[in-house]
Amino acid sequence: MKSVRRALLALWALTLVGNVPATGAGRPAGWYAIVETTMGSFTIHLLPDQAPQTVAHFAAFAEGRMEWVDIVTGNKKKAPYYDGLAIHRVSAAQRFEAGDPTGTGHGAPLVYVPKEQGTESFSRPFRVGMTASSMQRISGVLFFVSMVAEPYLNASHNCFGEVVEGREIVEAICSVRTDDKKVPTTPVVIKHVAIEKSGNPPPLAEPVRYRPPKVVPMPREAGAP
């Protein structure tokens, strides 16, 4: 009788396990980016539901599935883009930016994504977004990681991820010494970005080339500076 009871309990336990969504490393089901830097690693929970093209571009560049032009040589490449790039801008105790091989913030491939905004925003700390130019063109390459809440970015930038592991690494990077141009005096380098999934989330979208509308400057009034 005891053996029958044990068998029934074992069968019941297996049934429960079968109903639990498969996850990797204890993470909830979804897509993640593991960013390994010379100061340590942190993990981003990507948000493809609210920013499908932003996530698609970030993942494609990270994995080397998207062709890009080397700004130094002018040659086309198709290799993991972020590997070996230094974080080029740090706003102390606020955020850091990466994705420009020239280190200026103006040398990344001219690839853009449409405005994609949802319920997740920069109103909370440890969010990940794409930078935007003064002409409100949102980059599909240059990204930043915030350490604090920055709700004033909600209207102009795409939030496409949240740091869920290694937040202390983000804080450490945001605390490095910089020069007067906010460039770290000791380089912080991205060694590798790995895109991983936990469980069985829907596949990521394929990146689609986006051409932002041309911005026509307003004519100046007579006597205006």
C-alpha atoms as a PDB file:
ATOM      1  CA  MET A   1       0.000   0.000   0.000  1.00  0.00           C
ATOM      2  CA  LYS A   2       2.875   2.370   0.893  1.00  0.00           C
ATOM      3  CA  SER A   3       4.586   1.620  -2.410  1.00  0.00           C
ATOM      4  CA  VAL A   4       1.420   2.475  -4.319  1.00  0.00           C
ATOM      5  CA  ARG A   5       1.080   5.731  -2.386  1.00  0.00           C
ATOM      6  CA  ARG A   6       4.709   6.643  -3.144  1.00  0.00           C
ATOM      7  CA  ALA A   7       4.147   5.939  -6.836  1.00  0.00           C
ATOM      8  CA  LEU A   8       1.022   8.117  -6.895  1.00  0.00           C
ATOM      9  CA  LEU A   9       2.856  10.958  -5.113  1.00  0.00           C
ATOM     10  CA  ALA A  10       5.760  10.708  -7.566  1.00  0.00           C
ATOM     11  CA  LEU A  11       3.363  10.787 -10.529  1.00  0.00           C
ATOM     12  CA  TRP A  12       1.596  13.830  -9.051  1.00  0.00           C
ATOM     13  CA  ALA A  13       4.937  15.633  -8.563  1.00  0.00           C
ATOM     14  CA  LEU A  14       5.936  14.952 -12.158  1.00  0.00           C
ATOM     15  CA  THR A  15       2.618  16.374 -13.320  1.00  0.00           C
ATOM     16  CA  LEU A  16       3.262  19.579 -11.375  1.00  0.00           C
ATOM     17  CA  VAL A  17       6.759  19.919 -12.815  1.00  0.00           C
ATOM     18  CA  GLY A  18       5.389  19.471 -16.309  1.00  0.00           C
ATOM     19  CA  ASN A  19       3.042  22.415 -15.759  1.00  0.00           C
ATOM     20  CA  VAL A  20       5.825  24.812 -14.699  1.00  0.00           C
ATOM     21  CA  PRO A  21       7.223  26.913 -17.571  1.00  0.00           C
ATOM     22  CA  ALA A  22      10.826  26.054 -18.356  1.00  0.00           C
ATOM     23  CA  THR A  23      13.243  28.778 -17.273  1.00  0.00           C
ATOM     24  CA  GLY A  24      16.989  29.166 -17.496  1.00  0.00           C
ATOM     25  CA  ALA A  25      19.088  29.917 -14.427  1.00  0.00           C
ATOM     26  CA  GLY A  26      15.915  30.513 -12.400  1.00  0.00           C
ATOM     27  CA  ARG A  27      14.868  33.488 -14.525  1.00  0.00           C
ATOM     28  CA  PRO A  28      11.270  34.116 -15.612  1.00  0.00           C
ATOM     29  CA  ALA A  29      10.567  33.164 -19.209  1.00  0.00           C
ATOM     30  CA  GLY A  30      11.741  35.791 -21.678  1.00  0.00           C
ATOM     31  CA  TRP A  31      14.735  37.182 -23.560  1.00  0.00           C
ATOM     32  CA  TYR A  32      17.901  38.384 -21.844  1.00  0.00           C
ATOM     33  CA  ALA A  33      21.192  40.060 -22.721  1.00  0.00           C
ATOM     34  CA  ILE A  34      24.219  39.194 -20.600  1.00  0.00           C
ATOM     35  CA  VAL A  35      26.717  42.052 -20.895  1.00  0.00           C
ATOM     36  CA  GLU A  36      30.248  41.109 -19.854  1.00  0.00           C
ATOM     37  CA  THR A  37      32.554  44.063 -19.155  1.00  0.00           C
ATOM     38  CA  THR A  38      36.034  44.486 -17.734  1.00  0.00           C
ATOM     39  CA  MET A  39      34.347  45.503 -14.454  1.00  0.00           C
ATOM     40  CA  GLY A  40      31.968  42.553 -14.284  1.00  0.00           C
ATOM     41  CA  SER A  41      28.742  41.331 -15.861  1.00  0.00           C
ATOM     42  CA  PHE A  42      25.146  42.449 -15.680  1.00  0.00           C
ATOM     43  CA  THR A  43      21.964  40.992 -17.151  1.00  0.00           C
ATOM     44  CA  ILE A  44      19.253  42.872 -19.041  1.00  0.00           C
ATOM     45  CA  HIS A  45      15.697  41.565 -19.286  1.00  0.00           C
ATOM     46  CA  LEU A  46      14.739  42.619 -22.810  1.00  0.00           C
ATOM     47  CA  LEU A  47      11.266  43.994 -23.601  1.00  0.00           C
ATOM     48  CA  PRO A  48      10.347  42.858 -27.135  1.00  0.00           C
ATOM     49  CA  ASP A  49       6.620  43.207 -26.461  1.00  0.00           C
ATOM     50  CA  GLN A  50       6.861  46.981 -26.130  1.00  0.00           C
ATOM     51  CA  ALA A  51       9.942  47.691 -28.274  1.00  0.00           C
ATOM     52  CA  PRO A  52      10.135  44.914 -30.898  1.00  0.00           C
ATOM     53  CA  GLN A  53      12.380  46.692 -33.414  1.00  0.00           C
ATOM     54  CA  THR A  54      14.641  48.194 -30.771  1.00  0.00           C
ATOM     55  CA  VAL A  55      15.258  44.774 -29.238  1.00  0.00           C
ATOM     56  CA  ALA A  56      15.586  43.192 -32.694  1.00  0.00           C
ATOM     57  CA  HIS A  57      18.336  45.649 -33.696  1.00  0.00           C
ATOM     58  CA  PHE A  58      20.186  45.359 -30.389  1.00  0.00           C
ATOM     59  CA  ALA A  59      20.163  41.551 -30.527  1.00  0.00           C
ATOM     60  CA  ALA A  60      21.145  41.421 -34.213  1.00  0.00           C
ATOM     61  CA  PHE A  61      24.102  43.751 -33.662  1.00  0.00           C
ATOM     62  CA  ALA A  62      25.168  41.850 -30.543  1.00  0.00           C
ATOM     63  CA  GLU A  63      25.092  38.490 -32.315  1.00  0.00           C
ATOM     64  CA  GLY A  64      26.686  39.683 -35.560  1.00  0.00           C
ATOM     65  CA  ARG A  65      23.600  39.036 -37.678  1.00  0.00           C
ATOM     66  CA  MET A  66      23.400  42.595 -38.991  1.00  0.00           C
ATOM     67  CA  GLU A  67      25.845  44.088 -41.462  1.00  0.00           C
ATOM     68  CA  TRP A  68      27.463  47.374 -40.470  1.00  0.00           C
ATOM     69  CA  VAL A  69      30.126  49.699 -41.830  1.00  0.00           C
ATOM     70  CA  ASP A  70      33.406  50.084 -39.949  1.00  0.00           C
ATOM     71  CA  ILE A  71      33.724  53.831 -39.416  1.00  0.00           C
ATOM     72  CA  VAL A  72      37.544  53.601 -39.399  1.00  0.00           C
ATOM     73  CA  THR A  73      38.140  51.500 -42.518  1.00  0.00           C
ATOM     74  CA  GLY A  74      34.879  52.072 -44.397  1.00  0.00           C
ATOM     75  CA  ASN A  75      34.580  48.309 -44.876  1.00  0.00           C
ATOM     76  CA  LYS A  76      31.346  46.396 -44.351  1.00  0.00           C
ATOM     77  CA  LYS A  77      31.356  43.904 -41.492  1.00  0.00           C
ATOM     78  CA  LYS A  78      29.078  41.242 -40.112  1.00  0.00           C
ATOM     79  CA  ALA A  79      30.446  40.343 -36.709  1.00  0.00           C
ATOM     80  CA  PRO A  80      29.395  40.870 -33.082  1.00  0.00           C
ATOM     81  CA  TYR A  81      29.332  44.646 -32.957  1.00  0.00           C
ATOM     82  CA  TYR A  82      29.619  45.438 -29.257  1.00  0.00           C
ATOM     83  CA  ASP A  83      32.483  43.073 -28.431  1.00  0.00           C
ATOM     84  CA  GLY A  84      35.598  45.101 -27.643  1.00  0.00           C
ATOM     85  CA  LEU A  85      33.907  48.520 -27.568  1.00  0.00           C
ATOM     86  CA  ALA A  86      34.639  50.858 -24.675  1.00  0.00           C
ATOM     87  CA  ILE A  87      31.914  52.638 -22.747  1.00  0.00           C
ATOM     88  CA  HIS A  88      32.406  56.133 -24.134  1.00  0.00           C
ATOM     89  CA  ARG A  89      30.361  58.332 -21.798  1.00  0.00           C
ATOM     90  CA  VAL A  90      29.558  58.207 -18.090  1.00  0.00           C
ATOM     91  CA  SER A  91      27.294  60.677 -16.322  1.00  0.00           C
ATOM     92  CA  ALA A  92      28.308  60.249 -12.683  1.00  0.00           C
ATOM     93  CA  ALA A  93      25.739  58.417 -10.546  1.00  0.00           C
ATOM     94  CA  GLN A  94      23.263  58.664 -13.405  1.00  0.00           C
ATOM     95  CA  ARG A  95      23.952  56.561 -16.546  1.00  0.00           C
ATOM     96  CA  PHE A  96      26.529  55.311 -19.025  1.00  0.00           C
ATOM     97  CA  GLU A  97      26.466  55.021 -22.826  1.00  0.00           C
ATOM     98  CA  ALA A  98      28.070  52.548 -25.230  1.00  0.00           C
ATOM     99  CA  GLY A  99      28.066  51.489 -28.856  1.00  0.00           C
ATOM    100  CA  ASP A 100      30.382  53.967 -30.592  1.00  0.00           C
ATOM    101  CA  PRO A 101      33.766  52.645 -31.802  1.00  0.00           C
ATOM    102  CA  THR A 102      35.145  56.195 -32.116  1.00  0.00           C
ATOM    103  CA  GLY A 103      34.324  57.032 -28.510  1.00  0.00           C
ATOM    104  CA  THR A 104      32.676  60.305 -29.458  1.00  0.00           C
ATOM    105  CA  GLY A 105      28.993  59.366 -29.485  1.00  0.00           C
ATOM    106  CA  HIS A 106      28.821  60.349 -33.163  1.00  0.00           C
ATOM    107  CA  GLY A 107      30.648  57.483 -34.898  1.00  0.00           C
ATOM    108  CA  ALA A 108      28.147  54.625 -34.761  1.00  0.00           C
ATOM    109  CA  PRO A 109      26.480  53.222 -37.907  1.00  0.00           C
ATOM    110  CA  LEU A 110      23.578  55.375 -39.099  1.00  0.00           C
ATOM    111  CA  VAL A 111      20.905  52.842 -38.209  1.00  0.00           C
ATOM    112  CA  TYR A 112      17.632  53.973 -36.671  1.00  0.00           C
ATOM    113  CA  VAL A 113      14.495  52.477 -35.127  1.00  0.00           C
ATOM    114  CA  PRO A 114      10.961  53.896 -34.878  1.00  0.00           C
ATOM    115  CA  LYS A 115       9.642  55.344 -31.645  1.00  0.00           C
ATOM    116  CA  GLU A 116       8.415  52.453 -29.492  1.00  0.00           C
ATOM    117  CA  GLN A 117       7.012  53.185 -26.056  1.00  0.00           C
ATOM    118  CA  GLY A 118       4.931  51.206 -23.615  1.00  0.00           C
ATOM    119  CA  THR A 119       4.154  50.744 -19.946  1.00  0.00           C
ATOM    120  CA  GLU A 120       7.789  50.163 -18.936  1.00  0.00           C
ATOM    121  CA  SER A 121       9.658  53.455 -18.817  1.00  0.00           C
ATOM    122  CA  PHE A 122      12.570  55.422 -17.395  1.00  0.00           C
ATOM    123  CA  SER A 123      10.439  56.401 -14.406  1.00  0.00           C
ATOM    124  CA  ARG A 124      12.253  53.584 -12.582  1.00  0.00           C
ATOM    125  CA  PRO A 125      16.029  53.058 -12.186  1.00  0.00           C
ATOM    126  CA  PHE A 126      18.180  50.493 -13.994  1.00  0.00           C
ATOM    127  CA  ARG A 127      16.487  50.870 -17.358  1.00  0.00           C
ATOM    128  CA  VAL A 128      18.101  50.410 -20.768  1.00  0.00           C
ATOM    129  CA  GLY A 129      17.348  52.621 -23.760  1.00  0.00           C
ATOM    130  CA  MET A 130      18.599  53.760 -27.139  1.00  0.00           C
ATOM    131  CA  THR A 131      20.034  57.249 -27.500  1.00  0.00           C
ATOM    132  CA  ALA A 132      18.254  59.909 -29.546  1.00  0.00           C
ATOM    133  CA  SER A 133      19.745  62.724 -31.582  1.00  0.00           C
ATOM    134  CA  SER A 134      18.786  66.390 -31.335  1.00  0.00           C
ATOM    135  CA  MET A 135      16.577  65.718 -34.384  1.00  0.00           C
ATOM    136  CA  GLN A 136      14.746  63.014 -32.423  1.00  0.00           C
ATOM    137  CA  ARG A 137      16.184  60.188 -34.511  1.00  0.00           C
ATOM    138  CA  ILE A 138      16.430  57.123 -32.282  1.00  0.00           C
ATOM    139  CA  SER A 139      19.575  55.056 -32.795  1.00  0.00           C
ATOM    140  CA  GLY A 140      19.340  51.322 -33.362  1.00  0.00           C
ATOM    141  CA  VAL A 141      22.915  50.873 -32.108  1.00  0.00           C
ATOM    142  CA  LEU A 142      23.877  53.344 -29.364  1.00  0.00           C
ATOM    143  CA  PHE A 143      22.431  52.346 -26.008  1.00  0.00           C
ATOM    144  CA  PHE A 144      22.569  53.597 -22.439  1.00  0.00           C
ATOM    145  CA  VAL A 145      21.980  52.099 -19.000  1.00  0.00           C
ATOM    146  CA  SER A 146      20.462  54.292 -16.303  1.00  0.00           C
ATOM    147  CA  MET A 147      21.241  53.979 -12.618  1.00  0.00           C
ATOM    148  CA  VAL A 148      18.466  56.298 -11.408  1.00  0.00           C
ATOM    149  CA  ALA A 149      14.924  57.141 -12.485  1.00  0.00           C
ATOM    150  CA  GLU A 150      14.910  59.595 -15.406  1.00  0.00           C
ATOM    151  CA  PRO A 151      11.241  60.164 -16.307  1.00  0.00           C
ATOM    152  CA  TYR A 152      12.105  63.148 -18.532  1.00  0.00           C
ATOM    153  CA  LEU A 153      13.446  60.618 -21.088  1.00  0.00           C
ATOM    154  CA  ASN A 154      10.093  58.874 -21.503  1.00  0.00           C
ATOM    155  CA  ALA A 155       8.810  61.042 -24.343  1.00  0.00           C
ATOM    156  CA  SER A 156      11.957  60.918 -26.460  1.00  0.00           C
ATOM    157  CA  HIS A 157      13.744  57.594 -25.918  1.00  0.00           C
ATOM    158  CA  ASN A 158      12.862  53.919 -26.352  1.00  0.00           C
ATOM    159  CA  CYS A 159      13.018  51.851 -23.168  1.00  0.00           C
ATOM    160  CA  PHE A 160      13.830  48.293 -24.260  1.00  0.00           C
ATOM    161  CA  GLY A 161      15.174  46.568 -21.164  1.00  0.00           C
ATOM    162  CA  GLU A 162      15.708  46.459 -17.408  1.00  0.00           C
ATOM    163  CA  VAL A 163      18.838  45.388 -15.526  1.00  0.00           C
ATOM    164  CA  VAL A 164      17.747  42.456 -13.352  1.00  0.00           C
ATOM    165  CA  GLU A 165      21.117  41.050 -12.303  1.00  0.00           C
ATOM    166  CA  GLY A 166      24.432  42.772 -11.568  1.00  0.00           C
ATOM    167  CA  ARG A 167      23.011  46.161 -10.645  1.00  0.00           C
ATOM    168  CA  GLU A 168      26.063  46.696  -8.447  1.00  0.00           C
ATOM    169  CA  ILE A 169      28.189  46.508 -11.628  1.00  0.00           C
ATOM    170  CA  VAL A 170      26.071  49.252 -13.223  1.00  0.00           C
ATOM    171  CA  GLU A 171      26.540  51.376 -10.099  1.00  0.00           C
ATOM    172  CA  ALA A 172      30.304  50.777 -10.167  1.00  0.00           C
ATOM    173  CA  ILE A 173      30.556  51.791 -13.840  1.00  0.00           C
ATOM    174  CA  CYS A 174      28.510  54.924 -13.158  1.00  0.00           C
ATOM    175  CA  SER A 175      31.001  55.810 -10.417  1.00  0.00           C
ATOM    176  CA  VAL A 176      34.266  55.624 -12.406  1.00  0.00           C
ATOM    177  CA  ARG A 177      36.482  58.659 -12.722  1.00  0.00           C
ATOM    178  CA  THR A 178      36.010  60.590 -15.978  1.00  0.00           C
ATOM    179  CA  ASP A 179      37.632  63.521 -17.771  1.00  0.00           C
ATOM    180  CA  ASP A 180      35.936  66.824 -18.552  1.00  0.00           C
ATOM    181  CA  LYS A 181      34.190  65.188 -21.538  1.00  0.00           C
ATOM    182  CA  LYS A 182      32.691  62.435 -19.330  1.00  0.00           C
ATOM    183  CA  VAL A 183      34.978  59.786 -20.862  1.00  0.00           C
ATOM    184  CA  PRO A 184      36.298  57.230 -18.323  1.00  0.00           C
ATOM    185  CA  THR A 185      39.976  57.893 -17.571  1.00  0.00           C
ATOM    186  CA  THR A 186      40.475  54.119 -17.280  1.00  0.00           C
ATOM    187  CA  PRO A 187      38.625  52.413 -20.159  1.00  0.00           C
ATOM    188  CA  VAL A 188      35.682  50.185 -19.302  1.00  0.00           C
ATOM    189  CA  VAL A 189      35.353  47.708 -22.170  1.00  0.00           C
ATOM    190  CA  ILE A 190      32.445  45.505 -23.216  1.00  0.00           C
ATOM    191  CA  LYS A 191      34.005  42.079 -23.674  1.00  0.00           C
ATOM    192  CA  HIS A 192      30.901  40.289 -24.972  1.00  0.00           C
ATOM    193  CA  VAL A 193      27.112  40.562 -25.200  1.00  0.00           C
ATOM    194  CA  ALA A 194      25.236  37.258 -25.209  1.00  0.00           C
ATOM    195  CA  ILE A 195      21.546  37.042 -26.116  1.00  0.00           C
ATOM    196  CA  GLU A 196      19.818  34.212 -24.264  1.00  0.00           C
ATOM    197  CA  LYS A 197      16.274  33.038 -23.754  1.00  0.00           C
ATOM    198  CA  SER A 198      14.657  31.501 -20.714  1.00  0.00           C
ATOM    199  CA  GLY A 199      11.737  29.159 -21.216  1.00  0.00           C
ATOM    200  CA  ASN A 200       9.921  29.340 -24.523  1.00  0.00           C
ATOM    201  CA  PRO A 201       9.197  32.994 -25.340  1.00  0.00           C
ATOM    202  CA  PRO A 202       8.048  33.986 -28.844  1.00  0.00           C
ATOM    203  CA  PRO A 203      10.954  34.497 -31.265  1.00  0.00           C
ATOM    204  CA  LEU A 204      12.372  37.985 -31.604  1.00  0.00           C
ATOM    205  CA  ALA A 205      11.341  40.054 -34.611  1.00  0.00           C
ATOM    206  CA  GLU A 206      13.741  40.480 -37.500  1.00  0.00           C
ATOM    207  CA  PRO A 207      15.242  43.971 -37.744  1.00  0.00           C
ATOM    208  CA  VAL A 208      13.623  46.070 -40.467  1.00  0.00           C
ATOM    209  CA  ARG A 209      15.462  49.008 -42.007  1.00  0.00           C
ATOM    210  CA  TYR A 210      13.818  52.208 -40.838  1.00  0.00           C
ATOM    211  CA  ARG A 211      14.178  55.601 -42.469  1.00  0.00           C
ATOM    212  CA  PRO A 212      13.175  58.388 -40.094  1.00  0.00           C
ATOM    213  CA  PRO A 213      11.193  61.217 -41.636  1.00  0.00           C
ATOM    214  CA  LYS A 214      13.183  64.252 -42.651  1.00  0.00           C
ATOM    215  CA  VAL A 215      12.984  67.124 -40.228  1.00  0.00           C
ATOM    216  CA  VAL A 216      12.440  70.435 -42.027  1.00  0.00           C
ATOM    217  CA  PRO A 217      13.781  73.310 -39.924  1.00  0.00           C
ATOM    218  CA  MET A 218      11.292  76.074 -39.201  1.00  0.00           C
ATOM    219  CA  PRO A 219      12.036  79.308 -41.094  1.00  0.00           C
ATOM    220  CA  ARG A 220      13.470  82.017 -38.906  1.00  0.00           C
ATOM    221  CA  GLU A 221      11.552  85.202 -38.374  1.00  0.00           C
ATOM    222  CA  ALA A 222      13.164  88.486 -39.361  1.00  0.00           C
ATOM    223  CA  GLY A 223      15.550  89.625 -36.651  1.00  0.00           C
ATOM    224  CA  ALA A 224      15.640  86.224 -34.912  1.00  0.00           C
ATOM    225  CA  PRO A 225      19.110  85.002 -33.789  1.00  0.00           C
END
